Protein backbone atom coordinates (compact mmCIF):
# COMPACT_ATOMS: atom_id res chain seq x y z
CA MET A 1 4.57 -26.61 -0.66
CA ASN A 2 6.87 -25.26 0.96
CA ILE A 3 6.36 -21.52 1.43
CA ALA A 4 8.62 -19.46 2.84
CA ILE A 5 8.16 -15.67 4.15
CA VAL A 6 10.72 -13.38 3.84
CA THR A 7 10.31 -9.45 4.64
CA ASP A 8 12.68 -6.48 6.55
CA SER A 9 13.10 -4.43 9.52
CA THR A 10 10.65 -1.36 8.53
CA SER A 11 8.04 -4.46 8.94
CA ASP A 12 8.10 -3.48 12.67
CA ILE A 13 7.75 -7.46 13.65
CA PRO A 14 8.90 -8.25 17.32
CA PRO A 15 11.68 -10.26 17.74
CA GLN A 16 10.16 -13.22 19.15
CA LEU A 17 7.35 -13.32 17.11
CA ALA A 18 8.78 -13.12 14.22
CA ARG A 19 10.60 -16.16 15.13
CA ASP A 20 7.45 -18.03 15.96
CA CYS A 21 5.92 -17.38 12.77
CA HIS A 22 9.64 -18.84 11.25
CA ILE A 23 9.72 -14.70 9.37
CA HIS A 24 12.85 -13.90 8.26
CA VAL A 25 13.45 -10.21 8.84
CA ILE A 26 16.12 -8.75 6.40
CA PRO A 27 17.54 -5.65 8.19
CA ASN A 28 17.70 -2.66 6.47
CA LEU A 29 20.63 0.53 7.23
CA LEU A 30 21.32 3.25 9.58
CA MET A 31 23.94 6.11 8.95
CA VAL A 32 24.27 7.89 12.21
CA GLU A 33 27.27 9.79 13.54
CA GLY A 34 28.91 8.86 10.08
CA GLN A 35 28.89 4.99 10.75
CA THR A 36 26.58 2.56 9.10
CA LEU A 37 24.92 0.84 11.17
CA LEU A 38 22.28 -2.46 10.43
CA ASP A 39 18.63 -1.86 11.59
CA GLY A 40 18.77 -2.90 15.07
CA GLU A 41 22.07 -3.07 15.82
CA GLY A 42 25.07 -0.50 17.41
CA ILE A 43 22.11 1.09 19.10
CA SER A 44 18.92 0.47 21.10
CA ARG A 45 15.56 2.00 19.83
CA GLU A 46 15.43 3.78 23.38
CA GLU A 47 18.70 5.53 23.37
CA TYR A 48 18.30 6.55 19.65
CA TYR A 49 15.08 8.52 19.88
CA ARG A 50 16.66 9.92 23.17
CA ARG A 51 19.87 10.70 20.82
CA LEU A 52 17.97 11.69 17.88
CA PRO A 53 17.75 15.46 18.29
CA THR A 54 21.24 16.19 19.38
CA PHE A 55 23.17 14.62 16.46
CA THR A 56 25.36 16.28 14.92
CA LEU A 57 24.51 15.40 11.55
CA PRO A 58 20.68 14.44 10.49
CA PRO A 59 21.02 10.19 10.66
CA SER A 60 20.14 9.15 7.43
CA THR A 61 18.08 5.45 6.07
CA ALA A 62 19.46 3.36 3.24
CA ALA A 63 18.02 -0.21 1.81
CA PRO A 64 20.93 -2.63 1.69
CA SER A 65 22.74 -4.34 -0.98
CA PRO A 66 20.80 -6.67 -3.65
CA ASN A 67 23.39 -9.04 -2.12
CA LEU A 68 21.76 -9.69 0.92
CA TYR A 69 18.60 -10.76 -0.37
CA THR A 70 20.43 -12.88 -3.02
CA GLN A 71 22.09 -14.38 0.04
CA LYS A 72 18.67 -15.39 2.03
CA TYR A 73 16.61 -16.24 -1.24
CA THR A 74 19.56 -19.02 -1.84
CA GLU A 75 19.95 -20.27 1.48
CA LEU A 76 15.80 -21.14 1.46
CA VAL A 77 15.80 -21.91 -2.27
CA GLU A 78 18.60 -24.88 -1.34
CA GLY A 79 17.60 -25.56 1.86
CA GLY A 80 14.30 -26.60 0.14
CA PHE A 81 11.58 -24.34 0.05
CA GLU A 82 9.61 -23.87 -3.63
CA THR A 83 8.03 -20.52 -2.76
CA ILE A 84 9.09 -17.71 -1.20
CA LEU A 85 6.67 -14.58 -0.48
CA SER A 86 8.93 -11.13 -0.39
CA ILE A 87 6.46 -8.40 1.53
CA HIS A 88 8.31 -5.07 1.42
CA PRO A 89 7.02 -1.28 1.63
CA SER A 90 6.05 0.24 -0.89
CA PRO A 91 8.46 1.32 -4.22
CA LYS A 92 6.65 4.75 -3.49
CA LEU A 93 8.23 4.76 0.22
CA SER A 94 11.49 3.21 0.02
CA ALA A 95 14.28 1.60 -2.37
CA ILE A 96 13.43 -1.67 -0.46
CA PHE A 97 10.94 -3.00 -2.99
CA SER A 98 13.11 -2.59 -5.49
CA VAL A 99 16.42 -3.89 -4.06
CA ALA A 100 14.08 -7.66 -3.40
CA SER A 101 12.88 -7.56 -6.78
CA LEU A 102 16.75 -6.84 -8.11
CA ALA A 103 17.70 -10.08 -5.89
CA ALA A 104 14.57 -12.19 -6.73
CA GLN A 105 15.80 -12.19 -10.73
CA LYS A 106 18.23 -15.25 -9.96
CA TYR A 107 14.99 -17.16 -8.82
CA PRO A 108 12.54 -16.33 -11.00
CA ARG A 109 10.41 -19.34 -10.52
CA HIS A 110 10.63 -19.17 -6.35
CA VAL A 111 10.47 -15.97 -5.36
CA ASN A 112 7.48 -13.46 -5.30
CA VAL A 113 8.05 -9.68 -4.47
CA LEU A 114 5.08 -8.26 -2.83
CA ASP A 115 3.82 -4.65 -2.52
CA SER A 116 2.35 -3.96 0.93
CA ASN A 117 1.80 -0.41 0.05
CA SER A 118 2.59 0.11 3.93
CA VAL A 119 4.86 0.16 5.96
CA THR A 120 6.06 -0.78 9.59
CA LEU A 121 3.01 -2.96 10.73
CA GLY A 122 1.19 -1.82 8.38
CA LEU A 123 3.03 -3.94 6.24
CA GLY A 124 3.91 -6.50 9.60
CA PHE A 125 0.80 -7.34 9.92
CA GLN A 126 0.22 -9.09 6.41
CA VAL A 127 3.32 -11.13 6.69
CA ILE A 128 2.21 -12.15 10.04
CA ALA A 129 -0.67 -13.43 8.81
CA ALA A 130 1.02 -14.86 5.80
CA ALA A 131 3.44 -16.75 8.07
CA GLU A 132 0.48 -17.89 10.26
CA ALA A 133 -1.40 -19.37 6.97
CA VAL A 134 2.21 -21.23 5.95
CA LEU A 135 2.26 -22.84 9.65
CA GLN A 136 -1.45 -23.79 9.05
CA GLY A 137 -0.96 -25.29 5.89
CA VAL A 138 -3.03 -23.02 4.21
CA ALA A 139 -2.52 -23.06 0.42
CA LEU A 140 -0.53 -20.73 -1.99
CA PRO A 141 -2.98 -19.28 -3.49
CA ASP A 142 -5.48 -18.48 -0.56
CA ILE A 143 -2.31 -17.28 0.99
CA LEU A 144 -2.09 -14.10 -1.50
CA LYS A 145 -5.89 -13.83 -1.21
CA LEU A 146 -5.36 -13.59 2.19
CA ILE A 147 -3.08 -10.50 2.15
CA GLU A 148 -4.64 -8.87 -0.09
CA ARG A 149 -7.32 -8.71 2.25
CA VAL A 150 -5.35 -7.57 5.47
CA LYS A 151 -3.82 -4.95 2.79
CA HIS A 152 -6.98 -3.56 2.36
CA HIS A 153 -8.31 -3.89 5.82
CA THR A 154 -5.60 -1.98 7.22
CA ARG A 155 -5.03 1.55 8.30
CA VAL A 156 -1.52 3.42 9.64
CA ILE A 157 -2.36 6.77 11.20
CA ALA A 158 0.57 8.84 13.16
CA LEU A 159 0.75 11.47 15.13
CA LEU A 160 4.09 13.76 14.04
CA ASP A 161 4.78 16.09 17.07
CA THR A 162 7.12 18.08 14.62
CA LEU A 163 7.10 18.04 10.72
CA ASP A 164 11.10 18.39 10.38
CA TYR A 165 12.05 14.96 10.27
CA VAL A 166 9.90 14.40 7.50
CA ARG A 167 10.27 17.42 5.74
CA ARG A 168 13.56 16.29 5.47
CA SER A 169 12.62 12.80 4.11
CA GLY A 170 11.02 14.59 1.58
CA ARG A 171 7.19 12.55 1.69
CA VAL A 172 5.59 15.76 2.45
CA ASN A 173 5.50 19.38 0.29
CA TRP A 174 8.55 21.15 1.46
CA VAL A 175 7.18 24.07 2.25
CA THR A 176 3.97 22.97 3.54
CA ALA A 177 6.66 21.15 6.15
CA ALA A 178 8.31 24.11 6.76
CA LEU A 179 5.35 26.46 7.33
CA GLY A 180 3.69 24.19 9.89
CA ASN A 181 7.05 23.50 11.89
CA MET A 182 7.41 27.32 12.23
CA LEU A 183 3.81 27.86 13.70
CA GLY A 184 4.52 24.57 16.08
CA LEU A 185 1.83 22.59 14.57
CA ARG A 186 1.12 18.66 15.16
CA ALA A 187 0.24 16.81 11.98
CA LEU A 188 -2.08 13.45 11.64
CA ILE A 189 -0.43 11.59 8.71
CA GLU A 190 -2.01 8.06 6.75
CA VAL A 191 0.01 5.58 5.30
CA ARG A 192 -2.59 4.70 2.15
CA ASP A 193 -1.46 3.08 -1.16
CA GLY A 194 1.84 3.72 -1.12
CA LYS A 195 2.02 7.62 -0.01
CA VAL A 196 2.18 9.86 3.37
CA ASN A 197 -1.13 11.87 3.41
CA ARG A 198 -1.63 14.20 6.10
CA ILE A 199 -4.97 14.28 7.75
CA GLY A 200 -4.70 16.49 10.33
CA LEU A 201 -3.42 19.72 11.53
CA SER A 202 -3.45 20.82 15.23
CA ARG A 203 -1.33 23.87 17.45
CA SER A 204 -2.19 21.58 20.35
CA ARG A 205 -0.49 17.97 21.73
CA ARG A 206 -4.05 17.54 23.24
CA HIS A 207 -6.18 17.79 20.44
CA ALA A 208 -4.06 15.64 17.58
CA VAL A 209 -4.27 12.97 20.25
CA GLN A 210 -8.22 13.68 20.46
CA GLN A 211 -8.10 13.81 16.37
CA LEU A 212 -6.09 10.12 16.74
CA ILE A 213 -9.11 8.57 18.54
CA GLY A 214 -11.31 9.71 16.62
CA HIS A 215 -10.29 7.74 14.03
CA LEU A 216 -9.89 4.37 15.49
CA VAL A 217 -13.06 4.90 17.72
CA ASN A 218 -14.52 5.11 13.56
CA MET A 219 -12.81 1.97 12.72
CA GLY A 220 -15.04 0.20 14.72
CA SER A 221 -13.93 -3.54 15.35
CA LEU A 222 -10.63 -4.75 14.85
CA GLU A 223 -8.88 -7.90 13.40
CA ARG A 224 -5.17 -6.51 14.73
CA PHE A 225 -3.85 -3.45 16.52
CA ALA A 226 -0.56 -2.02 17.05
CA PHE A 227 0.25 0.93 19.40
CA LEU A 228 3.31 3.05 17.46
CA HIS A 229 5.58 4.82 18.97
CA THR A 230 9.21 6.93 18.61
CA THR A 231 9.83 8.04 21.93
CA ASP A 232 8.85 6.34 25.86
CA PRO A 233 5.12 7.07 25.30
CA ASP A 234 3.47 9.33 27.71
CA PRO A 235 1.85 6.80 29.91
CA ASP A 236 -1.89 8.93 30.12
CA GLU A 237 -1.97 8.92 26.07
CA MET A 238 -0.89 5.63 25.10
CA ALA A 239 -3.92 4.59 28.07
CA SER A 240 -6.53 6.88 25.87
CA ILE A 241 -5.66 5.08 23.38
CA LEU A 242 -5.47 1.71 24.33
CA GLU A 243 -8.75 2.03 25.76
CA LYS A 244 -10.68 2.51 22.65
CA THR A 245 -9.73 -1.15 21.65
CA ASN A 246 -11.67 -3.55 23.48
CA LEU A 247 -13.03 -4.77 20.54
CA VAL A 248 -9.17 -5.90 18.76
CA THR A 249 -9.38 -9.73 19.18
CA GLY A 250 -6.51 -10.55 20.47
CA SER A 251 -3.98 -8.36 22.63
CA PRO A 252 -2.82 -5.46 20.85
CA LEU A 253 0.84 -4.52 20.67
CA VAL A 254 3.19 -2.06 21.62
CA VAL A 255 5.91 -1.79 19.44
CA PRO A 256 8.54 1.06 19.16
CA VAL A 257 8.95 2.15 15.44
CA THR A 258 11.99 1.02 13.99
CA THR A 259 14.85 3.69 13.66
CA VAL A 260 14.83 3.39 10.32
CA VAL A 261 11.40 4.58 9.59
CA GLY A 262 11.96 6.49 12.98
CA THR A 263 14.24 8.72 11.29
CA HIS A 264 11.51 10.27 9.10
CA VAL A 265 9.11 10.60 12.64
CA GLY A 266 10.84 12.11 14.63
CA PRO A 267 10.94 11.59 18.46
CA LYS A 268 7.63 11.92 20.66
CA GLY A 269 5.92 10.30 17.63
CA MET A 270 2.67 7.91 17.90
CA GLY A 271 -0.12 6.57 16.09
CA PHE A 272 -1.35 2.80 15.49
CA ALA A 273 -1.68 0.48 12.75
CA ALA A 274 -5.10 -1.64 12.68
CA VAL A 275 -6.42 -4.14 10.51
CA THR A 276 -10.67 -4.16 10.48
CA THR A 277 -13.04 -6.54 10.79
């Protein structure tokens, strides 16, 4: 059975890895300074995070039109693929899942839209595992079981240097976010079951980094790991985290988070996505 894997740019899969694994990535939309850009085009991630605090208008993000997904599904079906697994962020976090589901109605026998319950490499690791399994000739029922296993073994935890950007996004309680921002608190958040949960607060960034490391150490051995950041990371902070990943099978990824996610995180954010054994 020919199986195609589709996801969107919030998966944060490095482009070369996506090409190697034959993963089809649909870009989301970024609205910045009156322009609508496809995620990954028009402005680099490095430039975007450098300019983020200075934009005249707060940037915003959006899912693309269902037509973009319909075009991709049509291309794949007409190309001979019998099954398409389209894996996306939780509908609790984004409209992307609904957009993909709407487009999939044209091909109900071919397209399966799956909720990753996550975002960035929490989503991406599910996609990568599925794509690798396809290349190995694994049967569809076993691929679906693999996706579920990776989903339930994935943790995504991040340090927010400011709560202002996530407050704007509406992902957390506005009063709590406003209070934290006034007090200069850093927050640790975790994306779990499609929700953004606060799991720690700290006045000191150094202490917040130590909290982040503590969560990582408590996970034990890992199958996959990605260090995520929204600004050029501090070398010492990054090293202090990566040195705790010696139990990872394979090399950890270091990924600047897509602008569509980073818009709601803000600059100087960092964290990780990890799949436990």
